[in-house]
């Protein structure tokens, strides 16, 4: 379905873009740092040269050209990796303490993001629709009435998303049994197809496969599965795992063994060719909750919650796990790190902290 207000209020957008773009030539963007909220930081992968970018925001996502998309309050924004040239693009509200990061199209020209109604800062929105936003113009198109955890196909022609039942939501095509379900659709919102029962789909960048965390009919975890975009040849590859993330080359799948799978919880990497998996993280007394691949697929960065000290720690390690992870940042007590991402050259990590 196409929304008629492609620029969703051209005058308001022009004012916002002009205000923020005017700050792009200076160090940071003060207009973007006025609003209260989590701050965005940058640090080298060896833990040196830590700095704040003087920008507030969360749910970071790196595009193919190095731009960073993120949520600035209840708006989708983009910036360069040094925190400059911040632009507000579209409404975006997840209404949650753990908002999902926007999803870049493979060509770096569009961003898929959710925008909700009936939202609460500490709970899910009553209704959450999915929009695709043109990064250059700010024009947007609604592609599904309800969906989140968005992932693009390698050719940019389709998206996968999860459809989570909400009591107050008007779901476009809910799962018949009321469980969270995985759907695919064309980028214009047409051809929506329910392919599996589960959550957090991740479309392979090289193969016609979608990884997802499966659920039973009763809503219990069933491990990580791979399925074709048409819902066929569904198979389980990991007994216990959540939040799958493909390596850039599509040959490996990183995932988090959840907190209930003690003592095997942590960050793991599975080789799709050999079927072997190994643990990358080494933390104790806590659990991994966020991770990202480096652009060349050689490293992983992850945030781990330290239960004893009630803080988050940020680590980087090689995927081969031949060396111990390097701790590159830690928060004060009761602070949290969200959505770490590598810079386009792989030398730095950007993350949000609140």
C-alpha atoms as a PDB file:
ATOM      1  CA  UNK A   1       0.000   0.000   0.000  1.00  0.00           C
ATOM      2  CA  UNK A   2       1.327   3.420  -0.922  1.00  0.00           C
ATOM      3  CA  UNK A   3       0.921   6.287   1.499  1.00  0.00           C
ATOM      4  CA  UNK A   4      -0.081   9.511  -0.209  1.00  0.00           C
ATOM      5  CA  UNK A   5       2.072  11.699   2.030  1.00  0.00           C
ATOM      6  CA  UNK A   6       5.327  10.378   0.571  1.00  0.00           C
ATOM      7  CA  UNK A   7       7.194  13.186   2.270  1.00  0.00           C
ATOM      8  CA  UNK A   8       4.945  12.859   5.396  1.00  0.00           C
ATOM      9  CA  UNK A   9       4.748  16.612   5.808  1.00  0.00           C
ATOM     10  CA  UNK A  10       7.265  18.273   3.529  1.00  0.00           C
ATOM     11  CA  UNK A  11       7.446  21.506   5.468  1.00  0.00           C
ATOM     12  CA  UNK A  12       8.198  19.879   8.815  1.00  0.00           C
ATOM     13  CA  UNK A  13      10.794  17.623   7.227  1.00  0.00           C
ATOM     14  CA  UNK A  14      12.480  20.521   5.422  1.00  0.00           C
ATOM     15  CA  UNK A  15      12.781  22.494   8.651  1.00  0.00           C
ATOM     16  CA  UNK A  16      14.219  19.515  10.526  1.00  0.00           C
ATOM     17  CA  UNK A  17      16.657  18.597   7.778  1.00  0.00           C
ATOM     18  CA  UNK A  18      17.844  22.176   7.400  1.00  0.00           C
ATOM     19  CA  UNK A  19      18.375  22.551  11.138  1.00  0.00           C
ATOM     20  CA  UNK A  20      20.408  19.372  11.429  1.00  0.00           C
ATOM     21  CA  UNK A  21      22.288  19.646   8.162  1.00  0.00           C
ATOM     22  CA  UNK A  22      23.498  23.068   9.162  1.00  0.00           C
ATOM     23  CA  UNK A  23      25.384  21.494  12.004  1.00  0.00           C
ATOM     24  CA  UNK A  24      27.051  18.911   9.807  1.00  0.00           C
ATOM     25  CA  UNK A  25      30.211  20.888   9.180  1.00  0.00           C
ATOM     26  CA  UNK A  26      31.170  21.183  12.821  1.00  0.00           C
ATOM     27  CA  UNK A  27      32.369  18.583  15.319  1.00  0.00           C
ATOM     28  CA  UNK A  28      29.262  16.551  15.986  1.00  0.00           C
ATOM     29  CA  UNK A  29      25.751  17.906  15.572  1.00  0.00           C
ATOM     30  CA  UNK A  30      24.478  19.904  18.493  1.00  0.00           C
ATOM     31  CA  UNK A  31      20.910  19.966  17.226  1.00  0.00           C
ATOM     32  CA  UNK A  32      20.893  16.189  17.474  1.00  0.00           C
ATOM     33  CA  UNK A  33      22.350  16.217  20.956  1.00  0.00           C
ATOM     34  CA  UNK A  34      19.735  18.536  22.445  1.00  0.00           C
ATOM     35  CA  UNK A  35      17.170  15.803  23.030  1.00  0.00           C
ATOM     36  CA  UNK A  36      17.649  13.656  26.114  1.00  0.00           C
ATOM     37  CA  UNK A  37      18.321   9.983  25.604  1.00  0.00           C
ATOM     38  CA  UNK A  38      21.094   7.452  25.024  1.00  0.00           C
ATOM     39  CA  UNK A  39      24.350   8.818  23.635  1.00  0.00           C
ATOM     40  CA  UNK A  40      26.340   7.421  20.729  1.00  0.00           C
ATOM     41  CA  UNK A  41      30.018   6.569  21.234  1.00  0.00           C
ATOM     42  CA  UNK A  42      32.914   5.493  19.021  1.00  0.00           C
ATOM     43  CA  UNK A  43      36.014   3.504  20.021  1.00  0.00           C
ATOM     44  CA  UNK A  44      38.829   1.750  18.169  1.00  0.00           C
ATOM     45  CA  UNK A  45      38.724  -2.055  18.079  1.00  0.00           C
ATOM     46  CA  UNK A  46      41.710  -2.208  20.441  1.00  0.00           C
ATOM     47  CA  UNK A  47      39.874  -0.091  23.029  1.00  0.00           C
ATOM     48  CA  UNK A  48      41.781   3.146  22.431  1.00  0.00           C
ATOM     49  CA  UNK A  49      40.601   6.565  21.274  1.00  0.00           C
ATOM     50  CA  UNK A  50      37.158   6.310  22.875  1.00  0.00           C
ATOM     51  CA  UNK A  51      34.994   9.336  22.204  1.00  0.00           C
ATOM     52  CA  UNK A  52      31.415  10.550  22.271  1.00  0.00           C
ATOM     53  CA  UNK A  53      29.956  11.707  18.983  1.00  0.00           C
ATOM     54  CA  UNK A  54      27.786  14.314  20.722  1.00  0.00           C
ATOM     55  CA  UNK A  55      24.691  12.715  19.174  1.00  0.00           C
ATOM     56  CA  UNK A  56      21.821  11.080  21.021  1.00  0.00           C
ATOM     57  CA  UNK A  57      20.184   7.994  19.598  1.00  0.00           C
ATOM     58  CA  UNK A  58      19.840   4.237  19.697  1.00  0.00           C
ATOM     59  CA  UNK A  59      19.292   1.211  17.425  1.00  0.00           C
ATOM     60  CA  UNK A  60      22.322   1.769  15.189  1.00  0.00           C
ATOM     61  CA  UNK A  61      22.625   0.156  11.757  1.00  0.00           C
ATOM     62  CA  UNK A  62      25.449   0.609   9.202  1.00  0.00           C
ATOM     63  CA  UNK A  63      24.671   0.924   5.507  1.00  0.00           C
ATOM     64  CA  UNK A  64      26.766  -0.317   2.599  1.00  0.00           C
ATOM     65  CA  UNK A  65      28.217   3.158   2.019  1.00  0.00           C
ATOM     66  CA  UNK A  66      29.165   3.669   5.669  1.00  0.00           C
ATOM     67  CA  UNK A  67      26.218   5.800   6.703  1.00  0.00           C
ATOM     68  CA  UNK A  68      24.660   5.026  10.072  1.00  0.00           C
ATOM     69  CA  UNK A  69      20.890   4.837  10.472  1.00  0.00           C
ATOM     70  CA  UNK A  70      19.535   5.153  14.010  1.00  0.00           C
ATOM     71  CA  UNK A  71      16.548   6.251  16.067  1.00  0.00           C
ATOM     72  CA  UNK A  72      16.714   9.781  17.410  1.00  0.00           C
ATOM     73  CA  UNK A  73      13.802   9.971  19.812  1.00  0.00           C
ATOM     74  CA  UNK A  74      10.776   8.997  17.747  1.00  0.00           C
ATOM     75  CA  UNK A  75      12.415   9.710  14.381  1.00  0.00           C
ATOM     76  CA  UNK A  76      14.566   7.770  11.946  1.00  0.00           C
ATOM     77  CA  UNK A  77      17.871   9.574  11.382  1.00  0.00           C
ATOM     78  CA  UNK A  78      21.056   9.011   9.392  1.00  0.00           C
ATOM     79  CA  UNK A  79      24.581  10.355   9.883  1.00  0.00           C
ATOM     80  CA  UNK A  80      28.132   9.747   8.773  1.00  0.00           C
ATOM     81  CA  UNK A  81      30.310   7.518  10.957  1.00  0.00           C
ATOM     82  CA  UNK A  82      32.004  10.501  12.619  1.00  0.00           C
ATOM     83  CA  UNK A  83      28.654  11.801  13.901  1.00  0.00           C
ATOM     84  CA  UNK A  84      28.346  14.564  11.312  1.00  0.00           C
ATOM     85  CA  UNK A  85      25.692  15.364   8.717  1.00  0.00           C
ATOM     86  CA  UNK A  86      22.782  14.169  10.837  1.00  0.00           C
ATOM     87  CA  UNK A  87      19.440  14.213   9.013  1.00  0.00           C
ATOM     88  CA  UNK A  88      15.978  13.340  10.331  1.00  0.00           C
ATOM     89  CA  UNK A  89      14.072  11.284   7.772  1.00  0.00           C
ATOM     90  CA  UNK A  90      10.790   9.883   9.048  1.00  0.00           C
ATOM     91  CA  UNK A  91       8.705   9.004  12.116  1.00  0.00           C
ATOM     92  CA  UNK A  92       9.946   5.826  13.808  1.00  0.00           C
ATOM     93  CA  UNK A  93       8.654   4.656  17.168  1.00  0.00           C
ATOM     94  CA  UNK A  94       9.050   1.178  18.641  1.00  0.00           C
ATOM     95  CA  UNK A  95       7.819   2.083  22.104  1.00  0.00           C
ATOM     96  CA  UNK A  96      10.256  -0.283  23.811  1.00  0.00           C
ATOM     97  CA  UNK A  97      13.366  -0.248  25.934  1.00  0.00           C
ATOM     98  CA  UNK A  98      14.932  -2.492  23.266  1.00  0.00           C
ATOM     99  CA  UNK A  99      13.988  -1.009  19.880  1.00  0.00           C
ATOM    100  CA  UNK A 100      14.929  -2.920  16.744  1.00  0.00           C
ATOM    101  CA  UNK A 101      17.581  -1.365  14.518  1.00  0.00           C
ATOM    102  CA  UNK A 102      16.520  -0.082  11.085  1.00  0.00           C
ATOM    103  CA  UNK A 103      17.420  -2.353   8.153  1.00  0.00           C
ATOM    104  CA  UNK A 104      19.391  -1.020   5.171  1.00  0.00           C
ATOM    105  CA  UNK A 105      18.641  -2.260   1.679  1.00  0.00           C
ATOM    106  CA  UNK A 106      21.673  -3.904  -0.001  1.00  0.00           C
ATOM    107  CA  UNK A 107      22.129  -0.929  -2.342  1.00  0.00           C
ATOM    108  CA  UNK A 108      22.223   1.526   0.591  1.00  0.00           C
ATOM    109  CA  UNK A 109      19.430   3.688  -0.835  1.00  0.00           C
ATOM    110  CA  UNK A 110      16.525   2.642   1.407  1.00  0.00           C
ATOM    111  CA  UNK A 111      15.917   1.872   5.065  1.00  0.00           C
ATOM    112  CA  UNK A 112      13.135  -0.320   6.445  1.00  0.00           C
ATOM    113  CA  UNK A 113      11.912   0.814   9.857  1.00  0.00           C
ATOM    114  CA  UNK A 114       8.922   0.423  12.137  1.00  0.00           C
ATOM    115  CA  UNK A 115       6.581   3.175  13.292  1.00  0.00           C
ATOM    116  CA  UNK A 116       4.055   2.468  16.000  1.00  0.00           C
ATOM    117  CA  UNK A 117       0.934   3.903  17.543  1.00  0.00           C
ATOM    118  CA  UNK A 118      -0.251   3.427  21.097  1.00  0.00           C
ATOM    119  CA  UNK A 119       3.374   3.255  22.201  1.00  0.00           C
ATOM    120  CA  UNK A 120       4.815   3.225  25.697  1.00  0.00           C
ATOM    121  CA  UNK A 121       8.531   3.846  26.450  1.00  0.00           C
ATOM    122  CA  UNK A 122       8.665   0.626  28.485  1.00  0.00           C
ATOM    123  CA  UNK A 123       6.443  -1.674  26.426  1.00  0.00           C
ATOM    124  CA  UNK A 124       5.682  -2.650  22.844  1.00  0.00           C
ATOM    125  CA  UNK A 125       3.435  -0.437  20.751  1.00  0.00           C
ATOM    126  CA  UNK A 126      -0.185  -1.496  20.396  1.00  0.00           C
ATOM    127  CA  UNK A 127       0.269  -1.275  16.631  1.00  0.00           C
ATOM    128  CA  UNK A 128       3.524  -1.273  14.647  1.00  0.00           C
ATOM    129  CA  UNK A 129       3.610  -0.781  10.883  1.00  0.00           C
ATOM    130  CA  UNK A 130       6.632  -1.218   8.622  1.00  0.00           C
ATOM    131  CA  UNK A 131       7.842   1.553   6.306  1.00  0.00           C
ATOM    132  CA  UNK A 132      10.558   1.782   3.665  1.00  0.00           C
ATOM    133  CA  UNK A 133      12.225   5.190   3.551  1.00  0.00           C
ATOM    134  CA  UNK A 134      14.262   6.652   0.707  1.00  0.00           C
ATOM    135  CA  UNK A 135      17.445   7.913   2.397  1.00  0.00           C
ATOM    136  CA  UNK A 136      18.093  10.647  -0.167  1.00  0.00           C
ATOM    137  CA  UNK A 137      14.624  12.195  -0.310  1.00  0.00           C
ATOM    138  CA  UNK A 138      12.921  11.090   2.902  1.00  0.00           C
ATOM    139  CA  UNK A 139       9.965   9.708   0.903  1.00  0.00           C
ATOM    140  CA  UNK A 140       8.405   6.705   2.601  1.00  0.00           C
ATOM    141  CA  UNK A 141       6.089   3.831   1.732  1.00  0.00           C
ATOM    142  CA  UNK A 142       4.183   1.590   4.122  1.00  0.00           C
ATOM    143  CA  UNK A 143       4.761  -2.033   3.205  1.00  0.00           C
ATOM    144  CA  UNK A 144       2.981  -3.961   5.948  1.00  0.00           C
ATOM    145  CA  UNK A 145       0.373  -3.188   8.562  1.00  0.00           C
ATOM    146  CA  UNK A 146       2.256  -4.937  11.330  1.00  0.00           C
ATOM    147  CA  UNK A 147       5.838  -6.175  11.396  1.00  0.00           C
ATOM    148  CA  UNK A 148       9.262  -5.838  12.981  1.00  0.00           C
ATOM    149  CA  UNK A 149      12.753  -7.388  12.980  1.00  0.00           C
ATOM    150  CA  UNK A 150      13.132  -6.519   9.313  1.00  0.00           C
ATOM    151  CA  UNK A 151      15.627  -8.180   6.959  1.00  0.00           C
ATOM    152  CA  UNK A 152      16.202  -7.596   3.217  1.00  0.00           C
ATOM    153  CA  UNK A 153      16.774 -10.170   0.512  1.00  0.00           C
ATOM    154  CA  UNK A 154      20.158 -10.004  -1.210  1.00  0.00           C
ATOM    155  CA  UNK A 155      18.674  -8.436  -4.346  1.00  0.00           C
ATOM    156  CA  UNK A 156      16.668  -5.822  -2.400  1.00  0.00           C
ATOM    157  CA  UNK A 157      13.375  -6.943  -3.917  1.00  0.00           C
ATOM    158  CA  UNK A 158      11.830  -8.469  -0.798  1.00  0.00           C
ATOM    159  CA  UNK A 159      11.844  -8.289   2.984  1.00  0.00           C
ATOM    160  CA  UNK A 160      11.335 -10.761   5.800  1.00  0.00           C
ATOM    161  CA  UNK A 161       9.780  -9.719   9.082  1.00  0.00           C
ATOM    162  CA  UNK A 162       8.122 -11.074  12.181  1.00  0.00           C
ATOM    163  CA  UNK A 163       4.443 -10.491  12.880  1.00  0.00           C
ATOM    164  CA  UNK A 164       3.903 -10.426  16.627  1.00  0.00           C
ATOM    165  CA  UNK A 165       0.338 -10.558  17.949  1.00  0.00           C
ATOM    166  CA  UNK A 166      -0.675  -7.506  19.971  1.00  0.00           C
ATOM    167  CA  UNK A 167      -3.961  -7.270  21.852  1.00  0.00           C
ATOM    168  CA  UNK A 168      -4.826  -3.848  20.423  1.00  0.00           C
ATOM    169  CA  UNK A 169      -3.340  -4.389  16.982  1.00  0.00           C
ATOM    170  CA  UNK A 170      -5.162  -4.881  13.727  1.00  0.00           C
ATOM    171  CA  UNK A 171      -2.884  -7.467  12.178  1.00  0.00           C
ATOM    172  CA  UNK A 172      -2.784  -7.740   8.433  1.00  0.00           C
ATOM    173  CA  UNK A 173      -2.366 -11.522   8.383  1.00  0.00           C
ATOM    174  CA  UNK A 174      -1.800 -12.967  11.856  1.00  0.00           C
ATOM    175  CA  UNK A 175      -0.618 -16.455  12.564  1.00  0.00           C
ATOM    176  CA  UNK A 176      -3.683 -18.735  12.784  1.00  0.00           C
ATOM    177  CA  UNK A 177      -2.611 -20.069  16.173  1.00  0.00           C
ATOM    178  CA  UNK A 178      -1.804 -16.623  17.596  1.00  0.00           C
ATOM    179  CA  UNK A 179       1.965 -17.235  17.707  1.00  0.00           C
ATOM    180  CA  UNK A 180       4.628 -14.882  16.429  1.00  0.00           C
ATOM    181  CA  UNK A 181       5.221 -15.751  12.776  1.00  0.00           C
ATOM    182  CA  UNK A 182       7.754 -15.041  10.035  1.00  0.00           C
ATOM    183  CA  UNK A 183       6.539 -13.494   6.780  1.00  0.00           C
ATOM    184  CA  UNK A 184       8.088 -12.472   3.499  1.00  0.00           C
ATOM    185  CA  UNK A 185       6.775  -9.789   1.145  1.00  0.00           C
ATOM    186  CA  UNK A 186       7.899  -7.825  -1.871  1.00  0.00           C
ATOM    187  CA  UNK A 187       9.399  -4.432  -1.127  1.00  0.00           C
ATOM    188  CA  UNK A 188       6.128  -2.786  -2.192  1.00  0.00           C
ATOM    189  CA  UNK A 189       4.216  -4.788   0.435  1.00  0.00           C
ATOM    190  CA  UNK A 190       2.549  -7.159  -1.996  1.00  0.00           C
ATOM    191  CA  UNK A 191       2.788 -10.929  -2.056  1.00  0.00           C
ATOM    192  CA  UNK A 192       2.869 -11.369   1.717  1.00  0.00           C
ATOM    193  CA  UNK A 193       3.494 -15.000   2.673  1.00  0.00           C
ATOM    194  CA  UNK A 194       3.631 -16.654   6.081  1.00  0.00           C
ATOM    195  CA  UNK A 195       6.589 -19.038   6.010  1.00  0.00           C
ATOM    196  CA  UNK A 196       7.256 -20.141   9.610  1.00  0.00           C
ATOM    197  CA  UNK A 197       6.357 -19.840  13.272  1.00  0.00           C
ATOM    198  CA  UNK A 198       9.113 -17.908  15.064  1.00  0.00           C
ATOM    199  CA  UNK A 199      10.895 -14.605  15.365  1.00  0.00           C
ATOM    200  CA  UNK A 200      13.945 -12.532  14.364  1.00  0.00           C
ATOM    201  CA  UNK A 201      14.386 -13.542  10.699  1.00  0.00           C
ATOM    202  CA  UNK A 202      17.768 -12.984   9.030  1.00  0.00           C
ATOM    203  CA  UNK A 203      17.982 -13.248   5.246  1.00  0.00           C
ATOM    204  CA  UNK A 204      21.243 -14.677   3.944  1.00  0.00           C
ATOM    205  CA  UNK A 205      23.311 -12.168   1.919  1.00  0.00           C
ATOM    206  CA  UNK A 206      24.338 -14.890  -0.535  1.00  0.00           C
ATOM    207  CA  UNK A 207      21.882 -17.785  -0.332  1.00  0.00           C
ATOM    208  CA  UNK A 208      18.145 -18.142  -0.751  1.00  0.00           C
ATOM    209  CA  UNK A 209      17.784 -18.948   2.918  1.00  0.00           C
ATOM    210  CA  UNK A 210      16.270 -17.240   5.947  1.00  0.00           C
ATOM    211  CA  UNK A 211      17.518 -18.041   9.426  1.00  0.00           C
ATOM    212  CA  UNK A 212      15.132 -17.568  12.324  1.00  0.00           C
ATOM    213  CA  UNK A 213      14.472 -18.572  15.935  1.00  0.00           C
ATOM    214  CA  UNK A 214      11.681 -21.140  15.796  1.00  0.00           C
ATOM    215  CA  UNK A 215       8.751 -21.580  18.170  1.00  0.00           C
ATOM    216  CA  UNK A 216       6.509 -24.547  18.925  1.00  0.00           C
ATOM    217  CA  UNK A 217       2.724 -24.269  18.698  1.00  0.00           C
ATOM    218  CA  UNK A 218       2.768 -23.546  22.421  1.00  0.00           C
ATOM    219  CA  UNK A 219       5.267 -20.707  21.956  1.00  0.00           C
ATOM    220  CA  UNK A 220       8.294 -22.534  23.387  1.00  0.00           C
ATOM    221  CA  UNK A 221      11.759 -22.116  21.769  1.00  0.00           C
ATOM    222  CA  UNK A 222      12.718 -24.711  19.128  1.00  0.00           C
ATOM    223  CA  UNK A 223      16.221 -23.563  18.274  1.00  0.00           C
ATOM    224  CA  UNK A 224      17.535 -21.977  15.084  1.00  0.00           C
ATOM    225  CA  UNK A 225      16.069 -22.990  11.741  1.00  0.00           C
ATOM    226  CA  UNK A 226      16.824 -22.341   8.092  1.00  0.00           C
ATOM    227  CA  UNK A 227      13.996 -22.041   5.600  1.00  0.00           C
ATOM    228  CA  UNK A 228      13.607 -21.047   1.965  1.00  0.00           C
ATOM    229  CA  UNK A 229      11.768 -17.754   1.235  1.00  0.00           C
ATOM    230  CA  UNK A 230       8.739 -19.741   0.055  1.00  0.00           C
ATOM    231  CA  UNK A 231       8.517 -21.596   3.391  1.00  0.00           C
ATOM    232  CA  UNK A 232       9.867 -24.888   2.045  1.00  0.00           C
ATOM    233  CA  UNK A 233      12.709 -27.100   3.286  1.00  0.00           C
ATOM    234  CA  UNK A 234      12.544 -25.857   6.849  1.00  0.00           C
ATOM    235  CA  UNK A 235      15.210 -27.511   8.983  1.00  0.00           C
ATOM    236  CA  UNK A 236      16.715 -27.055  12.418  1.00  0.00           C
ATOM    237  CA  UNK A 237      20.456 -26.383  12.565  1.00  0.00           C
ATOM    238  CA  UNK A 238      20.895 -25.453  16.262  1.00  0.00           C
ATOM    239  CA  UNK A 239      18.930 -26.872  19.187  1.00  0.00           C
ATOM    240  CA  UNK A 240      19.200 -23.758  21.350  1.00  0.00           C
ATOM    241  CA  UNK A 241      19.868 -20.345  19.850  1.00  0.00           C
ATOM    242  CA  UNK A 242      18.420 -16.886  19.282  1.00  0.00           C
ATOM    243  CA  UNK A 243      19.140 -13.756  17.208  1.00  0.00           C
ATOM    244  CA  UNK A 244      20.863 -15.275  14.165  1.00  0.00           C
ATOM    245  CA  UNK A 245      23.210 -13.010  12.205  1.00  0.00           C
ATOM    246  CA  UNK A 246      24.834 -13.931   8.878  1.00  0.00           C
ATOM    247  CA  UNK A 247      28.453 -13.238   8.076  1.00  0.00           C
ATOM    248  CA  UNK A 248      28.874 -10.807   5.139  1.00  0.00           C
ATOM    249  CA  UNK A 249      29.843 -13.690   2.848  1.00  0.00           C
ATOM    250  CA  UNK A 250      26.923 -15.847   3.961  1.00  0.00           C
ATOM    251  CA  UNK A 251      29.076 -18.842   4.897  1.00  0.00           C
ATOM    252  CA  UNK A 252      28.683 -18.537   8.684  1.00  0.00           C
ATOM    253  CA  UNK A 253      25.889 -17.825  11.109  1.00  0.00           C
ATOM    254  CA  UNK A 254      26.508 -16.189  14.478  1.00  0.00           C
ATOM    255  CA  UNK A 255      23.925 -16.653  17.201  1.00  0.00           C
ATOM    256  CA  UNK A 256      23.393 -16.241  20.921  1.00  0.00           C
ATOM    257  CA  UNK A 257      22.879 -19.310  23.060  1.00  0.00           C
ATOM    258  CA  UNK A 258      20.273 -17.915  25.472  1.00  0.00           C
ATOM    259  CA  UNK A 259      20.595 -17.381  29.192  1.00  0.00           C
ATOM    260  CA  UNK A 260      18.550 -20.488  30.026  1.00  0.00           C
ATOM    261  CA  UNK A 261      21.039 -22.743  28.230  1.00  0.00           C
ATOM    262  CA  UNK A 262      23.648 -22.610  31.019  1.00  0.00           C
ATOM    263  CA  UNK A 263      26.510 -23.520  30.810  1.00  0.00           C
ATOM    264  CA  UNK A 264      26.549 -23.205  27.014  1.00  0.00           C
ATOM    265  CA  UNK A 265      25.212 -19.646  26.805  1.00  0.00           C
ATOM    266  CA  UNK A 266      27.246 -17.082  24.931  1.00  0.00           C
ATOM    267  CA  UNK A 267      28.055 -16.041  21.364  1.00  0.00           C
ATOM    268  CA  UNK A 268      28.673 -18.858  18.874  1.00  0.00           C
ATOM    269  CA  UNK A 269      29.511 -19.166  15.181  1.00  0.00           C
ATOM    270  CA  UNK A 270      28.185 -21.957  12.976  1.00  0.00           C
ATOM    271  CA  UNK A 271      29.804 -22.911   9.666  1.00  0.00           C
ATOM    272  CA  UNK A 272      27.082 -23.692   7.121  1.00  0.00           C
ATOM    273  CA  UNK A 273      29.528 -25.708   5.025  1.00  0.00           C
ATOM    274  CA  UNK A 274      30.927 -27.999   7.718  1.00  0.00           C
ATOM    275  CA  UNK A 275      28.116 -27.836  10.263  1.00  0.00           C
ATOM    276  CA  UNK A 276      30.643 -27.174  13.010  1.00  0.00           C
ATOM    277  CA  UNK A 277      30.174 -24.488  15.618  1.00  0.00           C
ATOM    278  CA  UNK A 278      32.437 -22.859  18.165  1.00  0.00           C
ATOM    279  CA  UNK A 279      32.095 -20.357  20.966  1.00  0.00           C
ATOM    280  CA  UNK A 280      33.571 -16.886  20.467  1.00  0.00           C
ATOM    281  CA  UNK A 281      32.686 -15.179  23.764  1.00  0.00           C
ATOM    282  CA  UNK A 282      34.461 -15.944  27.036  1.00  0.00           C
ATOM    283  CA  UNK A 283      32.456 -13.940  29.573  1.00  0.00           C
ATOM    284  CA  UNK A 284      31.445 -15.423  32.907  1.00  0.00           C
ATOM    285  CA  UNK A 285      28.700 -14.395  35.269  1.00  0.00           C
ATOM    286  CA  UNK A 286      26.658 -12.729  32.538  1.00  0.00           C
ATOM    287  CA  UNK A 287      25.203 -13.098  29.087  1.00  0.00           C
ATOM    288  CA  UNK A 288      25.559 -11.722  25.569  1.00  0.00           C
ATOM    289  CA  UNK A 289      22.660  -9.624  24.308  1.00  0.00           C
ATOM    290  CA  UNK A 290      23.928  -7.726  21.213  1.00  0.00           C
ATOM    291  CA  UNK A 291      26.462  -8.499  18.466  1.00  0.00           C
ATOM    292  CA  UNK A 292      27.556  -7.486  14.961  1.00  0.00           C
ATOM    293  CA  UNK A 293      29.925  -8.701  12.233  1.00  0.00           C
ATOM    294  CA  UNK A 294      32.845  -6.705  10.887  1.00  0.00           C
ATOM    295  CA  UNK A 295      32.527  -5.723   7.196  1.00  0.00           C
ATOM    296  CA  UNK A 296      35.082  -8.333   6.104  1.00  0.00           C
ATOM    297  CA  UNK A 297      33.584 -11.076   8.283  1.00  0.00           C
ATOM    298  CA  UNK A 298      36.776 -11.637  10.262  1.00  0.00           C
ATOM    299  CA  UNK A 299      35.623 -10.236  13.632  1.00  0.00           C
ATOM    300  CA  UNK A 300      32.625  -9.939  15.890  1.00  0.00           C
ATOM    301  CA  UNK A 301      31.735  -7.280  18.439  1.00  0.00           C
ATOM    302  CA  UNK A 302      29.287  -7.992  21.238  1.00  0.00           C
ATOM    303  CA  UNK A 303      27.824  -6.494  24.386  1.00  0.00           C
ATOM    304  CA  UNK A 304      27.560  -8.671  27.478  1.00  0.00           C
ATOM    305  CA  UNK A 305      25.690  -7.929  30.685  1.00  0.00           C
ATOM    306  CA  UNK A 306      27.801  -8.404  33.833  1.00  0.00           C
ATOM    307  CA  UNK A 307      25.291  -9.599  36.417  1.00  0.00           C
ATOM    308  CA  UNK A 308      27.508  -9.146  39.474  1.00  0.00           C
ATOM    309  CA  UNK A 309      28.471  -5.550  38.673  1.00  0.00           C
ATOM    310  CA  UNK A 310      25.183  -4.623  36.958  1.00  0.00           C
ATOM    311  CA  UNK A 311      26.865  -3.108  33.908  1.00  0.00           C
ATOM    312  CA  UNK A 312      27.552  -3.854  30.255  1.00  0.00           C
ATOM    313  CA  UNK A 313      30.935  -4.696  28.713  1.00  0.00           C
ATOM    314  CA  UNK A 314      31.856  -4.478  25.025  1.00  0.00           C
ATOM    315  CA  UNK A 315      34.180  -7.045  23.426  1.00  0.00           C
ATOM    316  CA  UNK A 316      35.831  -7.659  20.047  1.00  0.00           C
ATOM    317  CA  UNK A 317      37.336 -10.958  18.904  1.00  0.00           C
ATOM    318  CA  UNK A 318      38.290 -12.762  15.729  1.00  0.00           C
ATOM    319  CA  UNK A 319      35.691 -15.159  14.403  1.00  0.00           C
ATOM    320  CA  UNK A 320      38.310 -17.908  14.432  1.00  0.00           C
ATOM    321  CA  UNK A 321      38.499 -17.455  18.233  1.00  0.00           C
ATOM    322  CA  UNK A 322      42.265 -18.016  18.150  1.00  0.00           C
ATOM    323  CA  UNK A 323      42.806 -15.229  20.704  1.00  0.00           C
ATOM    324  CA  UNK A 324      40.994 -14.077  23.799  1.00  0.00           C
ATOM    325  CA  UNK A 325      38.392 -11.349  23.265  1.00  0.00           C
ATOM    326  CA  UNK A 326      39.501  -7.742  23.827  1.00  0.00           C
ATOM    327  CA  UNK A 327      37.350  -5.636  26.125  1.00  0.00           C
ATOM    328  CA  UNK A 328      37.042  -2.245  24.442  1.00  0.00           C
ATOM    329  CA  UNK A 329      34.453  -0.492  26.640  1.00  0.00           C
ATOM    330  CA  UNK A 330      32.419  -0.817  29.819  1.00  0.00           C
ATOM    331  CA  UNK A 331      29.521   1.183  31.178  1.00  0.00           C
ATOM    332  CA  UNK A 332      28.963   2.643  34.644  1.00  0.00           C
ATOM    333  CA  UNK A 333      26.680   0.563  36.897  1.00  0.00           C
ATOM    334  CA  UNK A 334      23.067   0.291  35.695  1.00  0.00           C
ATOM    335  CA  UNK A 335      23.963   1.597  32.219  1.00  0.00           C
ATOM    336  CA  UNK A 336      23.406  -0.454  29.065  1.00  0.00           C
ATOM    337  CA  UNK A 337      24.998  -0.791  25.622  1.00  0.00           C
ATOM    338  CA  UNK A 338      22.811  -1.343  22.577  1.00  0.00           C
ATOM    339  CA  UNK A 339      23.391  -2.171  18.912  1.00  0.00           C
ATOM    340  CA  UNK A 340      27.175  -1.978  18.477  1.00  0.00           C
ATOM    341  CA  UNK A 341      28.289  -1.766  14.826  1.00  0.00           C
ATOM    342  CA  UNK A 342      31.669  -1.702  13.092  1.00  0.00           C
ATOM    343  CA  UNK A 343      32.721   1.269  11.009  1.00  0.00           C
ATOM    344  CA  UNK A 344      32.908   0.661   7.260  1.00  0.00           C
ATOM    345  CA  UNK A 345      36.685   0.110   7.417  1.00  0.00           C
ATOM    346  CA  UNK A 346      36.411  -2.205  10.434  1.00  0.00           C
ATOM    347  CA  UNK A 347      38.770  -0.129  12.620  1.00  0.00           C
ATOM    348  CA  UNK A 348      36.182   1.327  15.004  1.00  0.00           C
ATOM    349  CA  UNK A 349      32.993   0.335  16.807  1.00  0.00           C
ATOM    350  CA  UNK A 350      30.037   2.652  17.280  1.00  0.00           C
ATOM    351  CA  UNK A 351      27.448   1.931  19.959  1.00  0.00           C
ATOM    352  CA  UNK A 352      24.673   3.525  21.974  1.00  0.00           C
ATOM    353  CA  UNK A 353      24.797   3.757  25.749  1.00  0.00           C
ATOM    354  CA  UNK A 354      22.078   4.692  28.197  1.00  0.00           C
END
